[in-house]
Amino acid sequence: MDVGSWLRSLGLGQYAAAFEDNAVDAETLRELTAEDLKELGVTLVGHRRKLLAAMGNLADR
């Protein structure tokens, strides 16, 4: 899975470069916490919640 494409599909493509710069791949993505997202520059609570929910859906697959 391409993380940048996944972020864009969620309407959060502005974070794609930060995820790439920090070597966040599909495997790592499933392990991220809210604190990790803050460190990646996801400062808006709504965006963090949206990402955490979407990441939870990935873990269910």
Protein backbone atom coordinates (compact mmCIF):
# COMPACT_ATOMS: atom_id res chain seq x y z
CA MET A 1 0.00 0.00 0.00
CA ASP A 2 1.22 3.49 -0.87
CA VAL A 3 0.84 5.62 2.27
CA GLY A 4 0.77 8.88 0.31
CA SER A 5 -2.10 7.65 -1.85
CA TRP A 6 -3.91 6.40 1.24
CA LEU A 7 -3.54 9.83 2.90
CA ARG A 8 -4.82 11.56 -0.25
CA SER A 9 -7.84 9.21 -0.33
CA LEU A 10 -8.69 10.45 3.18
CA GLY A 11 -8.35 14.09 2.09
CA LEU A 12 -5.17 14.43 4.16
CA GLY A 13 -2.56 14.50 1.43
CA GLN A 14 -0.86 17.50 3.01
CA TYR A 15 0.80 15.04 5.41
CA ALA A 16 2.19 12.70 2.73
CA ALA A 17 5.65 14.32 2.66
CA ALA A 18 5.99 14.15 6.46
CA PHE A 19 5.07 10.46 6.49
CA GLU A 20 7.53 9.76 3.68
CA ASP A 21 10.30 11.84 5.30
CA ASN A 22 9.86 9.80 8.48
CA ALA A 23 9.86 6.40 6.72
CA VAL A 24 6.26 5.60 7.64
CA ASP A 25 5.29 2.64 5.50
CA ALA A 26 2.16 0.46 5.53
CA GLU A 27 3.50 -1.71 8.35
CA THR A 28 4.58 1.22 10.52
CA LEU A 29 1.33 3.06 9.83
CA ARG A 30 -0.69 0.49 11.77
CA GLU A 31 1.43 1.10 14.89
CA LEU A 32 1.27 4.91 15.05
CA THR A 33 -0.17 6.59 18.13
CA ALA A 34 -1.76 10.02 18.55
CA GLU A 35 1.57 11.23 19.95
CA ASP A 36 3.39 9.92 16.87
CA LEU A 37 0.95 11.81 14.66
CA LYS A 38 1.68 15.02 16.58
CA GLU A 39 5.40 14.47 15.97
CA LEU A 40 4.64 14.04 12.27
CA GLY A 41 2.98 17.46 12.27
CA VAL A 42 -0.66 16.42 12.43
CA THR A 43 -1.65 19.22 14.80
CA LEU A 44 -5.40 19.30 14.25
CA VAL A 45 -7.32 17.01 16.57
CA GLY A 46 -9.90 16.24 13.89
CA HIS A 47 -7.21 15.09 11.49
CA ARG A 48 -5.59 12.91 14.17
CA ARG A 49 -8.94 11.32 15.03
CA LYS A 50 -9.69 10.70 11.34
CA LEU A 51 -6.28 9.09 10.84
CA LEU A 52 -6.54 6.93 13.96
CA ALA A 53 -9.98 5.68 12.88
CA ALA A 54 -8.74 4.91 9.37
CA MET A 55 -5.65 3.17 10.76
CA GLY A 56 -7.90 1.07 12.97
CA ASN A 57 -9.82 -0.02 9.86
CA LEU A 58 -6.53 -1.11 8.28
CA ALA A 59 -5.75 -3.30 11.28
CA ASP A 60 -9.12 -5.04 10.85
CA ARG A 61 -8.19 -6.20 7.35
